[in-house]
Amino acid sequence: MIEDPRAFLQDLFHTAVSRALPEQAMRAVMPSPPQGRTLVLGAGKAGGAMAAAFDLLWPREAPLSGLVVTRYGHVPLAYRSDATAPHGRRRIEVVEAAHPVPDAAGQGAAQRIVELTRGLTADDLVVCLISGGGSALLSLPAPGLTLEDKQRINAALLASGAAIDEMNCVRKHLSAIKGGRLAARCAPARVVTLVISDVPGDDPSVIASGPTVPDATTCADAMRLLERYGIEVPPAARAGLQSGAFETPKPGDAAFAGHALHLIATPQQSLEAAAARAREQGIHAHVLSDEIEGESREVGKVHAALARAVRRRGQPFARPCVILSGGETTVTVARASAERQRLGRGGRATEFLLGCAIALQAEPGVWVLAADTDGIDGIEDNAGALVTPDTLARARALGLGATDHLDRHDAHGFFEPLGDLVVTGPTYTNVNDFRALLVL
């Protein structure tokens, strides 16, 4: 029997995150040094850790240089300076930029990465380290667009409730570096891409908007999505999309000949690691899916209904058990709600939990943890939070209204006074949402 459900769930989260750390996952897919030089380029929330791992694993006698951009605060301590880097010298430069809305630092990093691709030869090797978050971090607007245009469109996409593949379809077609364009710039060098997946289905063309892989979506697709979600774009963007001038390299393009791609960590692998850890402790574990999408609060209600069925009827699973899921839910901020200027703080994980807690209605024997595996849920400093059987009772005692906080998208403000936030700091990886429901 589990004596401390909180500690049990936090241990499962730690296990899931550990499975996605780059160093061990990268060992089996390290390429061989080429005749020419090796250039490392990359972007993503795990970029700093991936750069540090590659630097450590690459032969010391083999030439190595490069540039990777990651989120502010996501460079591992051991790689922040030459004094603490592996072997006493960093060979890959790591810079920091903003996420989820791009900033000038990300644009500057993208421009420098493009410059580094000039002069490459067929004897050279380019290793691209790609992880979730790269879409915002690697921001180089298409011709005629400005960073401010990209910032506004990106913010509108984030608030629209669009799925990650939809957002990245638009981002690719308004970029000068994503959607396979980085690979095209590397020709004639060989490109090896190492990827940590943060998207449902692990489609490399969606992860960080696929800077080194072919893109099967079209300008017309991007235009339809913008119209569907009512997102206005400047005339240059509309003209580029409608004319096809912003089209991306497609499957079969010669620019990708001889290239290789390896998924070194995925959401499913992390969920399976957590399940194995639970079974070691005598708890049955069930992985629902690593591809669950939808509105966070609604997904929370569905998970609550499942937990109640297990608790009350032993269906579809017998208790005690833990139910695991992953994917990427969304939080849609209604325009009317935003205009009230009363929006609180919270991300996908905490909004999922608040919806779940309300639907559970203090069901005894059910504990729930949800967190983002990068350690940051939305824009706050917490990875996620916990729901316990007495969450609603403790909230009422503090004068906290669960429904009111949910309406204001203020899940952070709900869980913080309860002391139920899960705070890890940056984990230096990113395989998206992690959810665990313990039913005793």
Protein backbone atom coordinates (compact mmCIF):
# COMPACT_ATOMS: atom_id res chain seq x y z
CA MET A 1 0.00 0.00 0.00
CA ILE A 2 1.17 3.51 -0.77
CA GLU A 3 1.83 5.35 2.51
CA ASP A 4 2.45 8.78 0.96
CA PRO A 5 0.44 9.33 -2.27
CA ARG A 6 2.00 12.76 -2.86
CA ALA A 7 5.54 11.41 -2.71
CA PHE A 8 4.56 8.44 -4.88
CA LEU A 9 3.17 10.66 -7.65
CA GLN A 10 6.10 13.06 -7.50
CA ASP A 11 8.48 10.10 -7.81
CA LEU A 12 6.66 8.97 -10.95
CA PHE A 13 7.01 12.45 -12.42
CA HIS A 14 10.72 12.50 -11.61
CA THR A 15 11.10 9.08 -13.26
CA ALA A 16 9.35 10.28 -16.41
CA VAL A 17 11.56 13.36 -16.63
CA SER A 18 14.75 11.37 -16.00
CA ARG A 19 13.94 9.05 -18.91
CA ALA A 20 13.92 12.06 -21.24
CA LEU A 21 17.24 13.60 -20.18
CA PRO A 22 19.53 13.83 -23.22
CA GLU A 23 22.85 12.29 -22.17
CA GLN A 24 21.86 8.64 -21.86
CA ALA A 25 19.37 8.80 -24.73
CA MET A 26 21.95 10.33 -27.08
CA ARG A 27 24.72 7.78 -26.63
CA ALA A 28 23.30 5.17 -29.01
CA VAL A 29 22.85 7.56 -31.95
CA MET A 30 26.04 9.62 -31.92
CA PRO A 31 27.29 10.06 -35.52
CA SER A 32 30.90 9.45 -36.51
CA PRO A 33 33.20 12.45 -37.06
CA PRO A 34 33.29 13.50 -40.74
CA GLN A 35 36.28 14.28 -42.93
CA GLY A 36 35.50 17.97 -42.62
CA ARG A 37 34.19 19.96 -39.69
CA THR A 38 31.22 19.30 -37.41
CA LEU A 39 28.74 22.11 -36.79
CA VAL A 40 26.07 21.79 -34.10
CA LEU A 41 22.92 23.91 -34.46
CA GLY A 42 19.69 23.73 -32.55
CA ALA A 43 16.77 25.17 -30.66
CA GLY A 44 14.37 24.15 -27.92
CA LYS A 45 13.74 24.03 -24.21
CA ALA A 46 16.07 21.03 -23.97
CA GLY A 47 18.67 22.72 -26.19
CA GLY A 48 21.12 23.56 -23.40
CA ALA A 49 21.13 20.05 -22.00
CA MET A 50 21.35 18.51 -25.48
CA ALA A 51 24.33 20.72 -26.34
CA ALA A 52 26.07 19.80 -23.08
CA ALA A 53 25.44 16.08 -23.66
CA PHE A 54 26.67 16.18 -27.26
CA ASP A 55 29.79 18.10 -26.24
CA LEU A 56 30.53 15.54 -23.52
CA LEU A 57 30.04 12.54 -25.84
CA TRP A 58 31.88 13.94 -28.88
CA PRO A 59 35.58 12.91 -29.13
CA ARG A 60 37.83 15.56 -27.63
CA GLU A 61 40.25 15.34 -30.54
CA ALA A 62 37.53 15.89 -33.17
CA PRO A 63 36.72 19.49 -34.22
CA LEU A 64 33.38 20.77 -32.93
CA SER A 65 31.62 24.14 -32.88
CA GLY A 66 28.10 25.46 -33.03
CA LEU A 67 25.24 27.50 -31.63
CA VAL A 68 22.06 26.40 -29.86
CA VAL A 69 19.26 28.61 -28.50
CA THR A 70 17.16 27.67 -25.47
CA ARG A 71 14.68 29.32 -23.13
CA TYR A 72 15.83 31.82 -20.53
CA GLY A 73 17.02 29.94 -17.44
CA HIS A 74 17.21 26.58 -19.20
CA VAL A 75 20.99 26.25 -19.56
CA PRO A 76 22.31 23.58 -17.16
CA LEU A 77 24.59 24.97 -14.48
CA ALA A 78 27.37 22.68 -15.64
CA TYR A 79 27.36 24.27 -19.10
CA ARG A 80 27.00 27.95 -18.34
CA SER A 81 30.68 28.76 -18.50
CA ASP A 82 33.97 27.24 -19.62
CA ALA A 83 34.96 26.89 -15.99
CA THR A 84 32.19 24.38 -15.30
CA ALA A 85 31.71 22.79 -18.73
CA PRO A 86 32.70 19.16 -19.43
CA HIS A 87 36.48 18.87 -19.82
CA GLY A 88 36.81 22.55 -18.90
CA ARG A 89 35.83 24.05 -22.26
CA ARG A 90 32.51 24.61 -24.01
CA ARG A 91 32.67 23.90 -27.72
CA ILE A 92 29.01 24.70 -28.46
CA GLU A 93 27.71 28.16 -27.66
CA VAL A 94 24.31 28.25 -25.95
CA VAL A 95 22.25 31.45 -25.96
CA GLU A 96 18.92 32.17 -24.31
CA ALA A 97 15.71 33.70 -25.68
CA ALA A 98 12.01 34.06 -24.89
CA HIS A 99 9.29 31.41 -24.95
CA PRO A 100 6.40 31.09 -25.79
CA VAL A 101 6.34 34.49 -27.56
CA PRO A 102 9.58 35.16 -29.50
CA ASP A 103 11.87 38.09 -28.78
CA ALA A 104 14.82 39.88 -30.36
CA ALA A 105 17.30 37.49 -28.75
CA GLY A 106 15.68 34.54 -30.53
CA GLN A 107 15.67 36.40 -33.81
CA GLY A 108 19.34 37.28 -33.37
CA ALA A 109 20.19 33.65 -32.63
CA ALA A 110 18.30 32.47 -35.72
CA GLN A 111 20.19 34.98 -37.90
CA ARG A 112 23.51 33.81 -36.49
CA ILE A 113 22.57 30.16 -37.14
CA VAL A 114 21.83 31.01 -40.77
CA GLU A 115 25.21 32.73 -41.06
CA LEU A 116 26.98 29.67 -39.64
CA THR A 117 25.59 27.52 -42.47
CA ARG A 118 27.43 29.52 -45.13
CA GLY A 119 30.43 27.83 -46.69
CA LEU A 120 29.55 24.28 -45.69
CA THR A 121 30.90 21.52 -47.92
CA ALA A 122 30.01 17.92 -48.70
CA ASP A 123 32.73 16.82 -46.25
CA ASP A 124 31.05 18.60 -43.34
CA LEU A 125 28.50 17.32 -40.86
CA VAL A 126 25.72 19.42 -39.35
CA VAL A 127 24.11 18.03 -36.20
CA CYS A 128 20.79 19.68 -35.35
CA LEU A 129 19.55 19.38 -31.76
CA ILE A 130 15.80 19.96 -31.79
CA SER A 131 13.26 19.95 -28.96
CA GLY A 132 9.92 21.48 -28.09
CA GLY A 133 9.83 25.24 -27.83
CA GLY A 134 12.04 25.68 -30.86
CA SER A 135 9.24 27.31 -32.84
CA ALA A 136 9.33 30.40 -30.62
CA LEU A 137 13.04 30.30 -29.86
CA LEU A 138 14.14 30.06 -33.50
CA SER A 139 12.31 33.07 -34.88
CA LEU A 140 13.35 34.44 -38.26
CA PRO A 141 10.42 36.17 -40.00
CA ALA A 142 9.71 35.50 -43.67
CA PRO A 143 10.54 38.33 -46.11
CA GLY A 144 8.38 41.40 -45.52
CA LEU A 145 7.45 40.43 -41.94
CA THR A 146 8.82 41.87 -38.71
CA LEU A 147 9.48 40.36 -35.32
CA GLU A 148 6.53 42.36 -34.01
CA ASP A 149 4.31 40.71 -36.64
CA LYS A 150 5.47 37.26 -35.51
CA GLN A 151 4.99 38.14 -31.84
CA ARG A 152 1.42 39.27 -32.38
CA ILE A 153 0.47 36.29 -34.54
CA ASN A 154 2.15 33.87 -32.11
CA ALA A 155 0.31 35.35 -29.12
CA ALA A 156 -2.99 35.12 -31.00
CA LEU A 157 -2.36 31.48 -31.87
CA LEU A 158 -1.57 30.65 -28.25
CA ALA A 159 -4.83 32.22 -27.07
CA SER A 160 -6.93 30.69 -29.87
CA GLY A 161 -7.02 27.11 -28.63
CA ALA A 162 -5.37 25.85 -31.83
CA ALA A 163 -3.62 22.48 -31.59
CA ILE A 164 0.17 22.43 -31.71
CA ASP A 165 0.30 21.03 -35.26
CA GLU A 166 -2.03 23.80 -36.41
CA MET A 167 0.03 26.51 -34.75
CA ASN A 168 3.23 25.13 -36.23
CA CYS A 169 1.73 24.94 -39.72
CA VAL A 170 1.25 28.70 -39.57
CA ARG A 171 4.63 29.32 -37.94
CA LYS A 172 6.47 27.32 -40.62
CA HIS A 173 4.98 29.28 -43.47
CA LEU A 174 5.74 32.64 -41.89
CA SER A 175 9.37 31.71 -41.18
CA ALA A 176 12.62 31.93 -43.09
CA ILE A 177 14.24 29.06 -41.17
CA LYS A 178 11.58 26.53 -40.09
CA GLY A 179 9.65 24.00 -42.15
CA GLY A 180 12.78 22.37 -43.60
CA ARG A 181 14.43 25.62 -44.61
CA LEU A 182 17.36 25.20 -42.20
CA ALA A 183 18.25 21.86 -43.80
CA ALA A 184 18.12 23.46 -47.25
CA ARG A 185 20.58 26.14 -46.07
CA CYS A 186 23.01 23.44 -44.89
CA ALA A 187 23.48 21.90 -48.36
CA PRO A 188 25.71 20.25 -49.47
CA ALA A 189 26.67 19.13 -45.95
CA ARG A 190 25.12 16.01 -44.43
CA VAL A 191 22.56 16.73 -41.69
CA VAL A 192 21.84 14.52 -38.69
CA THR A 193 18.93 15.67 -36.53
CA LEU A 194 18.54 14.49 -32.92
CA VAL A 195 15.06 15.16 -31.58
CA ILE A 196 13.28 15.16 -28.23
CA SER A 197 9.57 14.99 -29.01
CA ASP A 198 6.97 17.12 -27.26
CA VAL A 199 4.07 16.61 -29.67
CA PRO A 200 1.29 14.02 -29.93
CA GLY A 201 2.32 11.41 -32.49
CA ASP A 202 6.01 12.42 -32.45
CA ASP A 203 5.82 13.92 -35.96
CA PRO A 204 9.28 15.48 -36.56
CA SER A 205 7.77 18.02 -38.94
CA VAL A 206 5.70 19.42 -36.07
CA ILE A 207 8.36 19.39 -33.33
CA ALA A 208 9.79 22.94 -33.19
CA SER A 209 8.12 23.42 -36.61
CA GLY A 210 10.54 20.97 -38.25
CA PRO A 211 13.48 23.16 -39.28
CA THR A 212 15.36 20.23 -40.84
CA VAL A 213 12.60 17.98 -42.19
CA PRO A 214 10.23 18.17 -45.19
CA ASP A 215 6.87 19.87 -44.68
CA ALA A 216 3.76 18.33 -46.21
CA THR A 217 1.50 21.25 -45.21
CA THR A 218 0.91 24.15 -47.57
CA CYS A 219 0.47 27.91 -47.62
CA ALA A 220 -3.21 27.26 -48.29
CA ASP A 221 -3.42 25.16 -45.12
CA ALA A 222 -1.85 27.98 -43.10
CA MET A 223 -4.27 30.53 -44.58
CA ARG A 224 -7.29 28.36 -43.74
CA LEU A 225 -6.14 28.02 -40.14
CA LEU A 226 -5.67 31.75 -39.75
CA GLU A 227 -9.17 32.31 -41.07
CA ARG A 228 -10.64 29.55 -38.90
CA TYR A 229 -9.29 31.11 -35.73
CA GLY A 230 -9.97 34.68 -36.80
CA ILE A 231 -6.32 35.77 -36.66
CA GLU A 232 -5.47 38.90 -38.62
CA VAL A 233 -2.14 39.02 -40.45
CA PRO A 234 -0.31 41.91 -42.14
CA PRO A 235 -0.65 42.36 -45.91
CA ALA A 236 2.85 40.91 -46.55
CA ALA A 237 1.92 37.69 -44.78
CA ARG A 238 -1.39 37.37 -46.60
CA ALA A 239 0.28 38.03 -49.96
CA GLY A 240 3.06 35.50 -49.31
CA LEU A 241 0.59 32.81 -48.30
CA GLN A 242 -1.95 33.43 -51.04
CA SER A 243 0.69 33.56 -53.78
CA GLY A 244 2.59 30.53 -52.52
CA ALA A 245 5.79 32.57 -52.16
CA PHE A 246 6.11 31.33 -48.56
CA GLU A 247 5.88 27.65 -49.52
CA THR A 248 8.13 25.20 -47.64
CA PRO A 249 10.36 22.38 -49.02
CA LYS A 250 8.28 19.24 -49.54
CA PRO A 251 8.91 15.49 -49.11
CA GLY A 252 11.15 14.24 -51.89
CA ASP A 253 13.07 17.49 -52.17
CA ALA A 254 16.75 16.89 -52.96
CA ALA A 255 17.69 19.15 -50.04
CA PHE A 256 17.01 16.23 -47.67
CA ALA A 257 18.97 13.53 -49.52
CA GLY A 258 21.28 11.56 -47.23
CA HIS A 259 19.99 13.20 -44.06
CA ALA A 260 19.19 11.20 -40.90
CA LEU A 261 16.87 11.82 -37.96
CA HIS A 262 16.72 10.09 -34.57
CA LEU A 263 14.02 10.50 -31.92
CA ILE A 264 16.05 10.17 -28.73
CA ALA A 265 13.22 10.76 -26.23
CA THR A 266 9.44 10.65 -26.56
CA PRO A 267 6.40 11.12 -24.31
CA GLN A 268 5.49 7.43 -24.60
CA GLN A 269 8.91 6.35 -23.37
CA SER A 270 8.58 8.59 -20.31
CA LEU A 271 5.09 7.31 -19.53
CA GLU A 272 6.30 3.72 -19.82
CA ALA A 273 9.21 4.47 -17.48
CA ALA A 274 6.77 5.90 -14.91
CA ALA A 275 4.52 2.86 -15.30
CA ALA A 276 7.45 0.52 -14.70
CA ARG A 277 8.38 2.49 -11.57
CA ALA A 278 4.82 2.16 -10.23
CA ARG A 279 4.79 -1.59 -10.84
CA GLU A 280 8.05 -1.92 -8.93
CA GLN A 281 6.12 -0.60 -5.93
CA GLY A 282 3.26 -3.06 -6.37
CA ILE A 283 0.81 -0.69 -8.05
CA HIS A 284 -0.88 -1.64 -11.31
CA ALA A 285 -0.15 0.99 -13.96
CA HIS A 286 -2.08 1.79 -17.12
CA VAL A 287 -0.94 4.15 -19.88
CA LEU A 288 -4.00 5.67 -21.56
CA SER A 289 -2.22 7.52 -24.37
CA ASP A 290 0.62 9.91 -25.04
CA GLU A 291 -1.50 11.78 -27.61
CA ILE A 292 -4.35 13.27 -25.58
CA GLU A 293 -5.36 16.72 -26.79
CA GLY A 294 -8.28 19.05 -26.17
CA GLU A 295 -9.31 21.83 -23.81
CA SER A 296 -7.43 21.33 -20.53
CA ARG A 297 -10.45 21.65 -18.24
CA GLU A 298 -12.51 19.25 -20.37
CA VAL A 299 -9.71 16.68 -20.45
CA GLY A 300 -9.61 17.06 -16.66
CA LYS A 301 -13.31 16.20 -16.42
CA VAL A 302 -12.85 13.07 -18.54
CA HIS A 303 -9.94 11.88 -16.39
CA ALA A 304 -12.04 12.52 -13.27
CA ALA A 305 -14.89 10.42 -14.66
CA LEU A 306 -12.48 7.58 -15.33
CA ALA A 307 -11.03 7.77 -11.80
CA ARG A 308 -14.52 7.74 -10.27
CA ALA A 309 -15.48 4.66 -12.31
CA VAL A 310 -12.37 2.85 -11.13
CA ARG A 311 -12.95 3.88 -7.51
CA ARG A 312 -16.67 3.03 -7.40
CA ARG A 313 -17.05 0.09 -9.79
CA GLY A 314 -13.58 -1.27 -10.44
CA GLN A 315 -13.98 -0.50 -14.15
CA PRO A 316 -12.17 -0.42 -16.49
CA PHE A 317 -9.28 -1.05 -14.07
CA ALA A 318 -9.10 -2.65 -10.64
CA ARG A 319 -7.73 -0.57 -7.80
CA PRO A 320 -5.23 0.20 -6.46
CA CYS A 321 -3.82 1.52 -9.70
CA VAL A 322 -2.26 4.53 -11.33
CA ILE A 323 -3.52 5.86 -14.65
CA LEU A 324 -1.00 7.74 -16.80
CA SER A 325 -1.46 9.98 -19.81
CA GLY A 326 0.41 12.54 -21.88
CA GLY A 327 -0.08 14.77 -24.88
CA GLU A 328 -0.69 18.48 -25.20
CA THR A 329 -3.90 20.07 -24.03
CA THR A 330 -4.85 23.69 -24.69
CA VAL A 331 -6.24 26.64 -22.76
CA THR A 332 -8.51 28.86 -24.82
CA VAL A 333 -8.79 32.37 -23.44
CA ALA A 334 -12.15 33.83 -24.46
CA ARG A 335 -11.97 37.39 -25.78
CA ALA A 336 -14.68 38.54 -23.37
CA SER A 337 -12.78 37.04 -20.47
CA ALA A 338 -9.55 38.71 -21.52
CA GLU A 339 -11.28 42.08 -21.76
CA ARG A 340 -12.26 41.86 -18.10
CA GLN A 341 -8.56 42.19 -17.22
CA ARG A 342 -9.15 39.71 -14.40
CA LEU A 343 -7.28 36.78 -15.83
CA GLY A 344 -5.11 34.96 -13.36
CA ARG A 345 -2.06 32.82 -13.74
CA GLY A 346 -1.98 29.22 -14.82
CA GLY A 347 -0.93 26.82 -17.53
CA ARG A 348 -2.27 23.66 -19.15
CA ALA A 349 -1.41 21.35 -16.25
CA THR A 350 -2.96 23.41 -13.47
CA GLU A 351 -6.08 24.17 -15.51
CA PHE A 352 -6.44 20.43 -16.19
CA LEU A 353 -6.17 19.79 -12.45
CA LEU A 354 -8.73 22.41 -11.49
CA GLY A 355 -11.23 20.97 -13.97
CA CYS A 356 -10.42 17.52 -12.63
CA ALA A 357 -10.83 18.54 -8.98
CA ILE A 358 -14.24 20.10 -9.61
CA ALA A 359 -15.44 16.98 -11.45
CA LEU A 360 -14.05 14.60 -8.80
CA GLN A 361 -16.06 16.38 -6.09
CA ALA A 362 -13.79 15.14 -3.29
CA GLU A 363 -13.91 11.51 -4.38
CA PRO A 364 -12.13 9.58 -1.60
CA GLY A 365 -9.00 7.64 -2.46
CA VAL A 366 -8.07 9.67 -5.57
CA TRP A 367 -4.89 11.76 -5.91
CA VAL A 368 -3.87 13.46 -9.15
CA LEU A 369 -0.61 15.05 -10.35
CA ALA A 370 -0.23 16.91 -13.62
CA ALA A 371 2.88 18.77 -14.71
CA ASP A 372 4.81 19.94 -17.73
CA THR A 373 7.97 17.89 -18.14
CA ASP A 374 10.04 20.99 -18.91
CA GLY A 375 9.42 22.17 -15.34
CA ILE A 376 7.40 25.26 -16.30
CA ASP A 377 3.61 25.25 -16.62
CA GLY A 378 2.71 28.24 -18.74
CA ILE A 379 4.61 31.33 -17.62
CA GLU A 380 4.87 30.63 -13.89
CA ASP A 381 7.64 28.97 -11.89
CA ASN A 382 5.78 25.73 -11.15
CA ALA A 383 5.79 22.54 -13.20
CA GLY A 384 2.25 21.69 -12.18
CA ALA A 385 0.28 20.82 -9.05
CA LEU A 386 -1.48 18.11 -7.07
CA VAL A 387 -5.14 17.34 -6.33
CA THR A 388 -6.00 15.42 -3.16
CA PRO A 389 -9.32 14.09 -1.82
CA ASP A 390 -9.59 17.15 0.44
CA THR A 391 -8.53 19.80 -2.11
CA LEU A 392 -11.98 21.40 -2.40
CA ALA A 393 -12.55 21.36 1.36
CA ARG A 394 -9.23 23.03 2.07
CA ALA A 395 -9.94 25.58 -0.65
CA ARG A 396 -13.33 26.47 0.83
CA ALA A 397 -11.72 26.95 4.23
CA LEU A 398 -9.45 29.56 2.63
CA GLY A 399 -12.31 31.25 0.80
CA LEU A 400 -11.17 30.01 -2.62
CA GLY A 401 -13.83 29.34 -5.23
CA ALA A 402 -12.77 26.60 -7.63
CA THR A 403 -15.24 27.52 -10.38
CA ASP A 404 -14.40 31.22 -10.13
CA HIS A 405 -10.68 30.52 -10.45
CA LEU A 406 -11.34 28.23 -13.43
CA ASP A 407 -13.43 30.88 -15.17
CA ARG A 408 -10.54 33.34 -14.74
CA HIS A 409 -7.90 30.83 -15.88
CA ASP A 410 -6.31 31.32 -12.45
CA ALA A 411 -5.47 27.75 -11.48
CA HIS A 412 -2.08 28.89 -10.17
CA GLY A 413 -3.84 31.29 -7.80
CA PHE A 414 -6.01 28.41 -6.60
CA PHE A 415 -3.31 25.84 -5.89
CA GLU A 416 -0.63 28.19 -4.54
CA PRO A 417 -2.39 29.05 -1.24
CA LEU A 418 -3.09 25.34 -0.74
CA GLY A 419 0.62 24.55 -0.91
CA ASP A 420 -0.08 22.08 -3.70
CA LEU A 421 2.07 23.47 -6.50
CA VAL A 422 4.80 21.19 -7.84
CA VAL A 423 7.95 23.28 -8.24
CA THR A 424 11.01 21.67 -9.82
CA GLY A 425 12.68 24.48 -11.74
CA PRO A 426 13.75 23.84 -15.35
CA THR A 427 14.28 20.13 -15.98
CA TYR A 428 16.38 20.65 -19.17
CA THR A 429 14.17 18.39 -21.23
CA ASN A 430 10.64 18.49 -22.66
CA VAL A 431 8.34 15.60 -23.55
CA ASN A 432 5.17 17.57 -22.88
CA ASP A 433 2.35 16.96 -20.42
CA PHE A 434 2.54 14.30 -17.70
CA ARG A 435 -0.58 13.25 -15.84
CA ALA A 436 -0.95 10.57 -13.16
CA LEU A 437 -4.13 9.58 -11.32
CA LEU A 438 -3.65 7.34 -8.27
CA VAL A 439 -6.81 5.45 -7.26
CA LEU A 440 -6.60 3.58 -3.95
